[in-house]
Structures are given as structure tokens and as C-alpha cells.
Amino acid sequence: MAKYKETSVAALFQNQVAKLGSKGCVAYKKGGRYTDISWNEMDVMIRKLGWYLMSIGIKKGDKVAIMLPNIPEFVYSCFAVFQSGAVAVLLNTGSTPYELTYLLNNSDAKILVTHAAGEKRYLEIKDQLATCRNLLTIDPTQNAFLSENASDIAAPPSVPIDADDPAVMIYTAGLTGKPLGAVLTHGKAYQQQHR
């Protein structure tokens, strides 16, 4: 029996953690070999970042822009946003400063979660941003929230999330005009997981 009612992607993840625990959740290449991160380990990183986002004022429905390549940090950043009840705005890592300005302003993102290259682009445009006043550069060696004791974050953020709540915002390429943000709800994202 599932512990959480699966009305959200966050609940779906928590039930998988309970079921698969020490098994591999994601793998990444390190020193020429693939290394697994278990469901339990990923859960700890997600909880830490989720609580951090909430501690800086991110609340349910807020937009959190994520501009990261296909790395484990992208996965735990997305799920941390889901668990905090916020909406993950997924941005292309190749976005130019001009494109990034438009996307951050259009989405009303409150924070940009990125890597070192994205940080440089953000700093170039930060004075042109209406709502995105926070920057989090993901670096496992420097982010204080990742070194927090796991016992301090014993439970995932307890934000009620319904199937109709927005989960993800993805922008079109904008080939015929300005990019448009398409929103996927938790319910629709859940259905995609079970196809």
C-alpha cells in the first residue's frame, strides 16, 4: 500500500523511495565508470534543497527556473521544486542572455537554479529582471544546504499538492515569434510516467 496518495509527482517519488530505497535511482559517469545514486540518497538531496527553497521564501505556485544540463543535480532540483509546491520552469542551457532575460521575466520566476556558466549569464542580466532576484548556483562542494544533517530534514516538505496544480513550465522554441510557456500539471505529469 502506497504511503502517499499519488496526486502529485512529489508523492509518486516518495512512494518509489519507500519501495526501492537502496536501489539505483540515477547513474552518472565518474572517472570513466557509471556510479549509482540510490533512491534514498536522491531523496535526501531533494529534501535538503526543497527545505532550502522554502527557507528563502519560495512558496506553493512560485516559479523556480532551472537551467542545468542532464546531470543528477537537474533531477534533484526538479523534484525539490515539486516537493515545495512550486513550479519548475525548465530552461535550455544554451539560452543567450537576451533569451534568458525574456524567459525569466515572462515566467515570473523568483529564482534561477543553474551552474557556473548560467551564473555568468544571470549576472549579466540581473538588473533587467523584474522578479528573479535570487540565484542558486548548484555546486556540491559549496552549497551549504547540501551539507545539512539529514536528521534535520526528516520529512519532505508537507505542502498539499493536487493533481490540477501546475508542476512544470516548458517553453516552445519560438520559431514563429516569442517562445510560449506550456504548463503541465502534476496529474498530467503523473499520467506521462505511467504510459
N, C-alpha and C. Protein backbone atom coordinates (compact mmCIF):
# COMPACT_ATOMS: atom_id res chain seq x y z
N MET A 1 0.85 -1.19 0.00
CA MET A 1 0.00 0.00 0.00
C MET A 1 0.89 1.24 0.00
N ALA A 2 0.62 2.16 -0.92
CA ALA A 2 1.41 3.39 -1.02
C ALA A 2 1.19 4.28 0.20
N LYS A 3 2.26 4.87 0.67
CA LYS A 3 2.18 5.73 1.85
C LYS A 3 1.50 7.06 1.50
N TYR A 4 1.82 7.60 0.31
CA TYR A 4 1.27 8.88 -0.10
C TYR A 4 0.25 8.68 -1.22
N LYS A 5 -0.84 9.43 -1.15
CA LYS A 5 -1.82 9.40 -2.23
C LYS A 5 -1.17 10.08 -3.44
N GLU A 6 -1.14 9.38 -4.56
CA GLU A 6 -0.37 9.86 -5.71
C GLU A 6 -1.14 10.88 -6.54
N THR A 7 -1.32 12.07 -5.95
CA THR A 7 -1.94 13.18 -6.66
C THR A 7 -0.89 14.13 -7.22
N SER A 8 0.38 13.85 -6.96
CA SER A 8 1.45 14.73 -7.43
C SER A 8 2.69 13.92 -7.78
N VAL A 9 3.57 14.53 -8.55
CA VAL A 9 4.84 13.90 -8.90
C VAL A 9 5.68 13.70 -7.63
N ALA A 10 5.57 14.64 -6.69
CA ALA A 10 6.31 14.53 -5.43
C ALA A 10 5.88 13.29 -4.65
N ALA A 11 4.58 13.03 -4.59
CA ALA A 11 4.08 11.84 -3.88
C ALA A 11 4.50 10.56 -4.59
N LEU A 12 4.45 10.58 -5.90
CA LEU A 12 4.90 9.43 -6.68
C LEU A 12 6.36 9.11 -6.36
N PHE A 13 7.20 10.13 -6.29
CA PHE A 13 8.61 9.92 -5.97
C PHE A 13 8.77 9.34 -4.57
N GLN A 14 8.06 9.90 -3.59
CA GLN A 14 8.18 9.42 -2.21
C GLN A 14 7.78 7.95 -2.09
N ASN A 15 6.75 7.55 -2.82
CA ASN A 15 6.35 6.14 -2.78
C ASN A 15 7.40 5.23 -3.41
N GLN A 16 8.07 5.72 -4.44
CA GLN A 16 9.15 4.95 -5.06
C GLN A 16 10.35 4.83 -4.11
N VAL A 17 10.62 5.89 -3.35
CA VAL A 17 11.71 5.84 -2.36
C VAL A 17 11.42 4.73 -1.35
N ALA A 18 10.17 4.71 -0.85
CA ALA A 18 9.79 3.68 0.14
C ALA A 18 9.91 2.28 -0.45
N LYS A 19 9.62 2.15 -1.72
CA LYS A 19 9.61 0.84 -2.37
C LYS A 19 11.01 0.38 -2.80
N LEU A 20 11.84 1.33 -3.31
CA LEU A 20 13.10 0.95 -3.94
C LEU A 20 14.34 1.35 -3.14
N GLY A 21 14.18 2.23 -2.15
CA GLY A 21 15.24 2.62 -1.21
C GLY A 21 16.68 2.62 -1.68
N SER A 22 17.38 1.52 -1.46
CA SER A 22 18.81 1.45 -1.73
C SER A 22 19.16 1.11 -3.18
N LYS A 23 18.14 0.86 -4.01
CA LYS A 23 18.40 0.57 -5.43
C LYS A 23 18.76 1.85 -6.17
N GLY A 24 19.38 1.71 -7.32
CA GLY A 24 19.80 2.86 -8.11
C GLY A 24 18.63 3.66 -8.65
N CYS A 25 18.68 4.96 -8.46
CA CYS A 25 17.66 5.88 -8.98
C CYS A 25 18.16 6.54 -10.26
N VAL A 26 19.36 7.11 -10.20
CA VAL A 26 20.02 7.68 -11.38
C VAL A 26 21.48 7.25 -11.37
N ALA A 27 22.09 7.28 -12.54
CA ALA A 27 23.51 6.96 -12.65
C ALA A 27 24.21 8.09 -13.39
N TYR A 28 25.45 8.33 -13.03
CA TYR A 28 26.24 9.35 -13.72
C TYR A 28 27.66 8.82 -13.90
N LYS A 29 28.35 9.40 -14.87
CA LYS A 29 29.70 8.93 -15.17
C LYS A 29 30.72 9.67 -14.31
N LYS A 30 31.56 8.90 -13.64
CA LYS A 30 32.59 9.46 -12.77
C LYS A 30 33.85 8.64 -12.98
N GLY A 31 34.92 9.30 -13.46
CA GLY A 31 36.17 8.59 -13.71
C GLY A 31 36.03 7.48 -14.74
N GLY A 32 35.19 7.70 -15.74
CA GLY A 32 35.01 6.71 -16.80
C GLY A 32 34.08 5.56 -16.46
N ARG A 33 33.52 5.57 -15.25
CA ARG A 33 32.60 4.50 -14.83
C ARG A 33 31.29 5.11 -14.37
N TYR A 34 30.22 4.34 -14.54
CA TYR A 34 28.92 4.81 -14.07
C TYR A 34 28.77 4.53 -12.58
N THR A 35 28.27 5.54 -11.88
CA THR A 35 28.05 5.46 -10.45
C THR A 35 26.58 5.69 -10.17
N ASP A 36 26.00 4.85 -9.35
CA ASP A 36 24.58 4.99 -8.99
C ASP A 36 24.40 5.93 -7.82
N ILE A 37 23.29 6.65 -7.85
CA ILE A 37 22.78 7.37 -6.69
C ILE A 37 21.48 6.65 -6.34
N SER A 38 21.37 6.18 -5.12
CA SER A 38 20.19 5.41 -4.73
C SER A 38 18.97 6.32 -4.56
N TRP A 39 17.81 5.70 -4.51
CA TRP A 39 16.58 6.44 -4.25
C TRP A 39 16.67 7.15 -2.90
N ASN A 40 17.23 6.49 -1.90
CA ASN A 40 17.37 7.11 -0.58
C ASN A 40 18.30 8.32 -0.62
N GLU A 41 19.43 8.17 -1.31
CA GLU A 41 20.38 9.29 -1.41
C GLU A 41 19.78 10.46 -2.17
N MET A 42 19.07 10.16 -3.27
CA MET A 42 18.43 11.22 -4.04
C MET A 42 17.37 11.91 -3.20
N ASP A 43 16.64 11.14 -2.42
CA ASP A 43 15.60 11.70 -1.54
C ASP A 43 16.19 12.70 -0.56
N VAL A 44 17.34 12.38 0.02
CA VAL A 44 17.98 13.29 0.97
C VAL A 44 18.34 14.61 0.28
N MET A 45 18.92 14.53 -0.91
CA MET A 45 19.31 15.76 -1.63
C MET A 45 18.07 16.59 -1.99
N ILE A 46 17.00 15.91 -2.41
CA ILE A 46 15.76 16.59 -2.77
C ILE A 46 15.17 17.30 -1.56
N ARG A 47 15.12 16.60 -0.42
CA ARG A 47 14.58 17.21 0.79
C ARG A 47 15.40 18.42 1.22
N LYS A 48 16.72 18.29 1.16
CA LYS A 48 17.58 19.41 1.57
C LYS A 48 17.33 20.64 0.70
N LEU A 49 17.30 20.45 -0.60
CA LEU A 49 17.07 21.58 -1.49
C LEU A 49 15.64 22.10 -1.35
N GLY A 50 14.67 21.21 -1.20
CA GLY A 50 13.28 21.63 -1.00
C GLY A 50 13.12 22.52 0.22
N TRP A 51 13.71 22.10 1.33
CA TRP A 51 13.64 22.91 2.55
C TRP A 51 14.39 24.21 2.37
N TYR A 52 15.52 24.19 1.66
CA TYR A 52 16.28 25.42 1.41
C TYR A 52 15.42 26.41 0.61
N LEU A 53 14.78 25.94 -0.45
CA LEU A 53 13.94 26.83 -1.27
C LEU A 53 12.84 27.46 -0.42
N MET A 54 12.22 26.66 0.44
CA MET A 54 11.16 27.19 1.30
C MET A 54 11.73 28.18 2.31
N SER A 55 12.96 27.95 2.77
CA SER A 55 13.57 28.85 3.76
C SER A 55 13.88 30.22 3.19
N ILE A 56 14.05 30.32 1.87
CA ILE A 56 14.31 31.63 1.26
C ILE A 56 13.03 32.27 0.72
N GLY A 57 11.89 31.66 1.05
CA GLY A 57 10.61 32.29 0.72
C GLY A 57 9.87 31.72 -0.47
N ILE A 58 10.37 30.65 -1.08
CA ILE A 58 9.65 30.03 -2.20
C ILE A 58 8.43 29.31 -1.65
N LYS A 59 7.25 29.62 -2.22
CA LYS A 59 6.02 29.01 -1.74
C LYS A 59 5.27 28.34 -2.87
N LYS A 60 4.21 27.66 -2.50
CA LYS A 60 3.40 26.94 -3.48
C LYS A 60 2.97 27.88 -4.60
N GLY A 61 3.17 27.43 -5.84
CA GLY A 61 2.78 28.22 -7.02
C GLY A 61 3.86 29.14 -7.54
N ASP A 62 4.91 29.42 -6.74
CA ASP A 62 6.02 30.26 -7.23
C ASP A 62 6.75 29.54 -8.35
N LYS A 63 7.35 30.29 -9.22
CA LYS A 63 8.12 29.71 -10.34
C LYS A 63 9.60 29.67 -9.97
N VAL A 64 10.21 28.52 -10.19
CA VAL A 64 11.64 28.32 -9.96
C VAL A 64 12.25 27.88 -11.28
N ALA A 65 13.07 28.75 -11.87
CA ALA A 65 13.70 28.43 -13.15
C ALA A 65 14.90 27.51 -12.92
N ILE A 66 15.01 26.48 -13.74
CA ILE A 66 16.12 25.53 -13.66
C ILE A 66 16.81 25.50 -15.01
N MET A 67 18.08 25.87 -15.00
CA MET A 67 18.89 25.85 -16.22
C MET A 67 20.14 25.02 -15.95
N LEU A 68 19.98 23.70 -16.08
CA LEU A 68 21.06 22.76 -15.81
C LEU A 68 21.12 21.73 -16.93
N PRO A 69 22.31 21.19 -17.21
CA PRO A 69 22.39 20.11 -18.20
C PRO A 69 21.86 18.80 -17.62
N ASN A 70 21.96 17.75 -18.39
CA ASN A 70 21.46 16.43 -18.00
C ASN A 70 22.43 15.78 -16.99
N ILE A 71 22.30 16.20 -15.73
CA ILE A 71 23.16 15.73 -14.64
C ILE A 71 22.26 15.42 -13.44
N PRO A 72 22.74 14.67 -12.45
CA PRO A 72 21.90 14.37 -11.29
C PRO A 72 21.34 15.61 -10.59
N GLU A 73 22.08 16.70 -10.62
CA GLU A 73 21.63 17.93 -9.98
C GLU A 73 20.34 18.45 -10.63
N PHE A 74 20.18 18.19 -11.94
CA PHE A 74 18.94 18.58 -12.61
C PHE A 74 17.77 17.80 -12.02
N VAL A 75 17.97 16.51 -11.82
CA VAL A 75 16.89 15.66 -11.28
C VAL A 75 16.50 16.11 -9.89
N TYR A 76 17.48 16.26 -8.98
CA TYR A 76 17.08 16.60 -7.62
C TYR A 76 16.57 18.03 -7.52
N SER A 77 17.00 18.91 -8.41
CA SER A 77 16.45 20.28 -8.41
C SER A 77 14.98 20.27 -8.80
N CYS A 78 14.63 19.53 -9.85
CA CYS A 78 13.23 19.45 -10.28
C CYS A 78 12.35 18.89 -9.18
N PHE A 79 12.76 17.79 -8.58
CA PHE A 79 11.92 17.16 -7.56
C PHE A 79 11.86 17.99 -6.28
N ALA A 80 12.90 18.75 -5.97
CA ALA A 80 12.85 19.66 -4.82
C ALA A 80 11.81 20.75 -5.06
N VAL A 81 11.75 21.24 -6.29
CA VAL A 81 10.74 22.24 -6.64
C VAL A 81 9.35 21.63 -6.50
N PHE A 82 9.17 20.42 -7.02
CA PHE A 82 7.86 19.75 -6.91
C PHE A 82 7.44 19.59 -5.45
N GLN A 83 8.38 19.14 -4.61
CA GLN A 83 8.04 18.89 -3.21
C GLN A 83 7.72 20.17 -2.45
N SER A 84 8.26 21.30 -2.90
CA SER A 84 7.96 22.56 -2.22
C SER A 84 6.66 23.18 -2.74
N GLY A 85 6.02 22.52 -3.72
CA GLY A 85 4.77 23.02 -4.26
C GLY A 85 4.94 24.09 -5.32
N ALA A 86 6.18 24.40 -5.66
CA ALA A 86 6.47 25.42 -6.67
C ALA A 86 6.39 24.79 -8.06
N VAL A 87 6.61 25.62 -9.08
CA VAL A 87 6.55 25.19 -10.47
C VAL A 87 7.95 25.25 -11.07
N ALA A 88 8.42 24.15 -11.64
CA ALA A 88 9.75 24.11 -12.27
C ALA A 88 9.65 24.67 -13.68
N VAL A 89 10.38 25.76 -13.93
CA VAL A 89 10.45 26.36 -15.26
C VAL A 89 11.74 25.86 -15.89
N LEU A 90 11.64 24.97 -16.86
CA LEU A 90 12.82 24.33 -17.44
C LEU A 90 13.36 25.16 -18.60
N LEU A 91 14.63 25.56 -18.48
CA LEU A 91 15.25 26.43 -19.47
C LEU A 91 16.43 25.72 -20.13
N ASN A 92 16.62 26.03 -21.41
CA ASN A 92 17.72 25.47 -22.19
C ASN A 92 19.04 26.05 -21.70
N THR A 93 20.03 25.18 -21.49
CA THR A 93 21.34 25.65 -21.01
C THR A 93 22.05 26.52 -22.05
N GLY A 94 21.61 26.46 -23.29
CA GLY A 94 22.21 27.29 -24.34
C GLY A 94 21.53 28.63 -24.52
N SER A 95 20.60 28.99 -23.62
CA SER A 95 19.90 30.27 -23.74
C SER A 95 20.90 31.43 -23.68
N THR A 96 20.75 32.36 -24.63
CA THR A 96 21.60 33.56 -24.65
C THR A 96 21.13 34.50 -23.54
N PRO A 97 21.94 35.50 -23.17
CA PRO A 97 21.48 36.47 -22.17
C PRO A 97 20.16 37.13 -22.57
N TYR A 98 19.99 37.45 -23.85
CA TYR A 98 18.74 38.06 -24.32
C TYR A 98 17.56 37.10 -24.10
N GLU A 99 17.73 35.84 -24.51
CA GLU A 99 16.67 34.84 -24.34
C GLU A 99 16.37 34.61 -22.86
N LEU A 100 17.43 34.53 -22.07
CA LEU A 100 17.27 34.28 -20.64
C LEU A 100 16.49 35.41 -19.97
N THR A 101 16.78 36.64 -20.36
CA THR A 101 16.05 37.80 -19.82
C THR A 101 14.56 37.65 -20.10
N TYR A 102 14.23 37.35 -21.36
CA TYR A 102 12.82 37.20 -21.74
C TYR A 102 12.17 36.07 -20.95
N LEU A 103 12.80 34.91 -20.89
CA LEU A 103 12.20 33.74 -20.26
C LEU A 103 12.00 33.93 -18.75
N LEU A 104 12.97 34.52 -18.08
CA LEU A 104 12.84 34.74 -16.64
C LEU A 104 11.76 35.77 -16.34
N ASN A 105 11.68 36.82 -17.16
CA ASN A 105 10.64 37.84 -16.95
C ASN A 105 9.27 37.31 -17.32
N ASN A 106 9.16 36.60 -18.43
CA ASN A 106 7.88 36.09 -18.88
C ASN A 106 7.30 35.06 -17.92
N SER A 107 8.15 34.25 -17.33
CA SER A 107 7.69 33.19 -16.43
C SER A 107 7.43 33.68 -15.01
N ASP A 108 7.90 34.89 -14.68
CA ASP A 108 7.80 35.41 -13.31
C ASP A 108 8.58 34.56 -12.32
N ALA A 109 9.68 33.95 -12.78
CA ALA A 109 10.50 33.12 -11.89
C ALA A 109 11.06 33.97 -10.76
N LYS A 110 11.10 33.38 -9.56
CA LYS A 110 11.63 34.09 -8.38
C LYS A 110 13.12 33.79 -8.17
N ILE A 111 13.57 32.64 -8.72
CA ILE A 111 14.95 32.21 -8.52
C ILE A 111 15.40 31.42 -9.74
N LEU A 112 16.68 31.52 -10.04
CA LEU A 112 17.28 30.69 -11.09
C LEU A 112 18.24 29.71 -10.44
N VAL A 113 18.02 28.43 -10.70
CA VAL A 113 18.91 27.37 -10.24
C VAL A 113 19.73 26.96 -11.46
N THR A 114 21.05 27.10 -11.37
CA THR A 114 21.89 26.86 -12.54
C THR A 114 23.29 26.40 -12.13
N HIS A 115 24.19 26.36 -13.09
CA HIS A 115 25.59 26.00 -12.84
C HIS A 115 26.45 27.23 -13.11
N ALA A 116 27.77 27.07 -13.09
CA ALA A 116 28.67 28.22 -13.20
C ALA A 116 28.47 29.02 -14.49
N ALA A 117 28.29 28.36 -15.62
CA ALA A 117 28.10 29.07 -16.89
C ALA A 117 26.81 29.88 -16.87
N GLY A 118 25.75 29.32 -16.31
CA GLY A 118 24.49 30.03 -16.20
C GLY A 118 24.57 31.21 -15.24
N GLU A 119 25.37 31.06 -14.20
CA GLU A 119 25.56 32.15 -13.24
C GLU A 119 26.12 33.38 -13.93
N LYS A 120 27.10 33.18 -14.82
CA LYS A 120 27.69 34.31 -15.54
C LYS A 120 26.65 35.03 -16.37
N ARG A 121 25.79 34.26 -17.07
CA ARG A 121 24.74 34.88 -17.88
C ARG A 121 23.74 35.64 -17.01
N TYR A 122 23.38 35.04 -15.86
CA TYR A 122 22.45 35.70 -14.95
C TYR A 122 23.02 37.04 -14.47
N LEU A 123 24.28 37.05 -14.09
CA LEU A 123 24.89 38.28 -13.58
C LEU A 123 24.92 39.38 -14.63
N GLU A 124 25.00 39.01 -15.91
CA GLU A 124 24.97 40.00 -16.99
C GLU A 124 23.61 40.68 -17.09
N ILE A 125 22.54 39.99 -16.72
CA ILE A 125 21.19 40.49 -16.98
C ILE A 125 20.38 40.80 -15.72
N LYS A 126 20.93 40.57 -14.56
CA LYS A 126 20.12 40.64 -13.33
C LYS A 126 19.41 41.98 -13.14
N ASP A 127 20.00 43.08 -13.63
CA ASP A 127 19.36 44.39 -13.48
C ASP A 127 18.14 44.56 -14.38
N GLN A 128 17.97 43.65 -15.34
CA GLN A 128 16.83 43.72 -16.26
C GLN A 128 15.68 42.80 -15.85
N LEU A 129 15.84 42.14 -14.71
CA LEU A 129 14.85 41.14 -14.28
C LEU A 129 13.86 41.74 -13.29
N ALA A 130 12.57 41.47 -13.54
CA ALA A 130 11.52 42.03 -12.70
C ALA A 130 11.33 41.27 -11.40
N THR A 131 11.33 39.95 -11.45
CA THR A 131 11.02 39.16 -10.24
C THR A 131 12.14 38.21 -9.83
N CYS A 132 13.03 37.85 -10.73
CA CYS A 132 14.07 36.85 -10.44
C CYS A 132 15.25 37.51 -9.74
N ARG A 133 15.11 37.63 -8.43
CA ARG A 133 16.13 38.31 -7.62
C ARG A 133 17.06 37.34 -6.88
N ASN A 134 16.83 36.05 -7.06
CA ASN A 134 17.66 35.05 -6.37
C ASN A 134 18.35 34.15 -7.37
N LEU A 135 19.56 33.76 -7.04
CA LEU A 135 20.36 32.86 -7.86
C LEU A 135 20.90 31.77 -6.97
N LEU A 136 20.79 30.53 -7.42
CA LEU A 136 21.41 29.40 -6.72
C LEU A 136 22.26 28.66 -7.72
N THR A 137 23.57 28.75 -7.54
CA THR A 137 24.49 28.02 -8.39
C THR A 137 24.76 26.67 -7.73
N ILE A 138 24.33 25.61 -8.39
CA ILE A 138 24.48 24.27 -7.82
C ILE A 138 25.94 23.82 -7.94
N ASP A 139 26.54 23.61 -6.79
CA ASP A 139 27.91 23.12 -6.71
C ASP A 139 28.00 22.28 -5.45
N PRO A 140 28.03 20.95 -5.58
CA PRO A 140 28.02 20.08 -4.40
C PRO A 140 29.12 20.37 -3.39
N THR A 141 30.20 21.02 -3.82
CA THR A 141 31.29 21.31 -2.89
C THR A 141 31.09 22.62 -2.14
N GLN A 142 30.13 23.44 -2.59
CA GLN A 142 29.97 24.76 -1.98
C GLN A 142 28.60 25.05 -1.40
N ASN A 143 27.56 24.32 -1.80
CA ASN A 143 26.22 24.63 -1.32
C ASN A 143 26.02 24.16 0.11
N ALA A 144 25.82 25.12 1.01
CA ALA A 144 25.69 24.82 2.43
C ALA A 144 24.49 23.92 2.70
N PHE A 145 23.39 24.08 1.95
CA PHE A 145 22.20 23.28 2.22
C PHE A 145 22.46 21.79 2.01
N LEU A 146 23.43 21.44 1.15
CA LEU A 146 23.71 20.02 0.91
C LEU A 146 24.48 19.37 2.05
N SER A 147 25.13 20.18 2.89
CA SER A 147 25.90 19.62 4.00
C SER A 147 25.08 19.53 5.29
N GLU A 148 23.83 19.98 5.25
CA GLU A 148 22.96 19.89 6.43
C GLU A 148 22.80 18.42 6.84
N ASN A 149 22.65 18.21 8.11
CA ASN A 149 22.45 16.86 8.62
C ASN A 149 21.10 16.33 8.16
N ALA A 150 21.08 15.11 7.64
CA ALA A 150 19.84 14.53 7.12
C ALA A 150 18.76 14.44 8.20
N SER A 151 19.15 14.31 9.46
CA SER A 151 18.14 14.20 10.52
C SER A 151 17.37 15.51 10.69
N ASP A 152 17.95 16.62 10.21
CA ASP A 152 17.26 17.90 10.30
C ASP A 152 16.13 18.02 9.28
N ILE A 153 16.12 17.13 8.31
CA ILE A 153 15.12 17.20 7.26
C ILE A 153 14.43 15.84 7.16
N ALA A 154 13.98 15.37 8.30
CA ALA A 154 13.46 14.00 8.40
C ALA A 154 12.23 13.74 7.53
N ALA A 155 11.52 14.77 7.17
CA ALA A 155 10.32 14.58 6.35
C ALA A 155 10.37 15.51 5.14
N PRO A 156 9.75 15.10 4.04
CA PRO A 156 9.68 16.01 2.90
C PRO A 156 8.80 17.20 3.25
N PRO A 157 8.99 18.34 2.58
CA PRO A 157 8.11 19.48 2.84
C PRO A 157 6.65 19.05 2.73
N SER A 158 5.85 19.43 3.72
CA SER A 158 4.45 18.99 3.73
C SER A 158 3.55 20.06 3.12
N VAL A 159 3.63 20.18 1.82
CA VAL A 159 2.81 21.14 1.09
C VAL A 159 1.73 20.35 0.35
N PRO A 160 0.46 20.64 0.60
CA PRO A 160 -0.59 19.90 -0.11
C PRO A 160 -0.57 20.23 -1.61
N ILE A 161 -0.47 19.20 -2.42
CA ILE A 161 -0.40 19.38 -3.87
C ILE A 161 -1.50 18.54 -4.50
N ASP A 162 -2.31 19.17 -5.34
CA ASP A 162 -3.39 18.49 -6.04
C ASP A 162 -2.98 18.16 -7.46
N ALA A 163 -3.69 17.22 -8.07
CA ALA A 163 -3.40 16.81 -9.44
C ALA A 163 -3.53 17.96 -10.44
N ASP A 164 -4.37 18.95 -10.13
CA ASP A 164 -4.57 20.09 -11.03
C ASP A 164 -3.56 21.22 -10.82
N ASP A 165 -2.70 21.11 -9.81
CA ASP A 165 -1.69 22.14 -9.57
C ASP A 165 -0.60 22.06 -10.63
N PRO A 166 -0.09 23.22 -11.09
CA PRO A 166 0.98 23.19 -12.09
C PRO A 166 2.27 22.61 -11.52
N ALA A 167 2.96 21.82 -12.34
CA ALA A 167 4.22 21.20 -11.93
C ALA A 167 5.39 21.75 -12.72
N VAL A 168 5.22 21.83 -14.04
CA VAL A 168 6.32 22.18 -14.93
C VAL A 168 5.86 23.20 -15.97
N MET A 169 6.76 24.12 -16.30
CA MET A 169 6.52 25.06 -17.39
C MET A 169 7.67 24.89 -18.37
N ILE A 170 7.32 24.60 -19.63
CA ILE A 170 8.33 24.39 -20.67
C ILE A 170 8.03 25.35 -21.81
N TYR A 171 9.06 26.00 -22.31
CA TYR A 171 8.88 26.98 -23.38
C TYR A 171 9.08 26.36 -24.76
N THR A 172 8.24 26.84 -25.70
CA THR A 172 8.40 26.45 -27.10
C THR A 172 9.67 27.10 -27.64
N ALA A 173 10.11 26.65 -28.81
CA ALA A 173 11.33 27.20 -29.41
C ALA A 173 11.15 28.65 -29.86
N GLY A 174 9.93 29.08 -30.11
CA GLY A 174 9.71 30.46 -30.53
C GLY A 174 10.13 30.75 -31.95
N LEU A 175 10.04 29.75 -32.83
CA LEU A 175 10.49 29.91 -34.21
C LEU A 175 9.64 30.90 -34.99
N THR A 176 8.36 31.04 -34.63
CA THR A 176 7.48 31.95 -35.36
C THR A 176 7.13 33.18 -34.53
N GLY A 177 7.83 33.43 -33.49
CA GLY A 177 7.56 34.57 -32.60
C GLY A 177 8.21 34.32 -31.26
N LYS A 178 7.71 34.98 -30.24
CA LYS A 178 8.25 34.81 -28.88
C LYS A 178 7.93 33.42 -28.37
N PRO A 179 8.85 32.80 -27.61
CA PRO A 179 8.55 31.49 -27.01
C PRO A 179 7.33 31.58 -26.09
N LEU A 180 6.54 30.52 -26.09
CA LEU A 180 5.36 30.45 -25.23
C LEU A 180 5.56 29.37 -24.18
N GLY A 181 5.14 29.66 -22.95
CA GLY A 181 5.28 28.69 -21.87
C GLY A 181 4.10 27.75 -21.80
N ALA A 182 4.36 26.46 -21.92
CA ALA A 182 3.32 25.43 -21.79
C ALA A 182 3.41 24.83 -20.40
N VAL A 183 2.28 24.75 -19.72
CA VAL A 183 2.26 24.27 -18.34
C VAL A 183 1.71 22.84 -18.28
N LEU A 184 2.39 22.01 -17.53
CA LEU A 184 1.98 20.62 -17.30
C LEU A 184 1.62 20.49 -15.82
N THR A 185 0.44 19.98 -15.52
CA THR A 185 0.02 19.81 -14.13
C THR A 185 0.64 18.53 -13.54
N HIS A 186 0.54 18.40 -12.24
CA HIS A 186 1.03 17.18 -11.58
C HIS A 186 0.29 15.96 -12.09
N GLY A 187 -1.02 16.10 -12.31
CA GLY A 187 -1.81 14.98 -12.81
C GLY A 187 -1.37 14.54 -14.19
N LYS A 188 -1.14 15.50 -15.07
CA LYS A 188 -0.70 15.18 -16.43
C LYS A 188 0.71 14.59 -16.42
N ALA A 189 1.59 15.14 -15.57
CA ALA A 189 2.95 14.61 -15.47
C ALA A 189 2.92 13.17 -14.95
N TYR A 190 2.02 12.91 -13.99
CA TYR A 190 1.87 11.56 -13.43
C TYR A 190 1.42 10.59 -14.52
N GLN A 191 0.46 11.03 -15.35
CA GLN A 191 -0.03 10.18 -16.44
C GLN A 191 1.09 9.86 -17.41
N GLN A 192 1.97 10.83 -17.67
CA GLN A 192 3.11 10.59 -18.57
C GLN A 192 4.03 9.51 -18.01
N GLN A 193 4.18 9.47 -16.68
CA GLN A 193 5.03 8.48 -16.04
C GLN A 193 4.48 7.06 -16.17
N HIS A 194 3.16 6.94 -16.34
CA HIS A 194 2.53 5.62 -16.36
C HIS A 194 2.07 5.19 -17.74
N ARG A 195 2.66 5.72 -18.77
CA ARG A 195 2.32 5.29 -20.15
C ARG A 195 3.12 4.08 -20.53
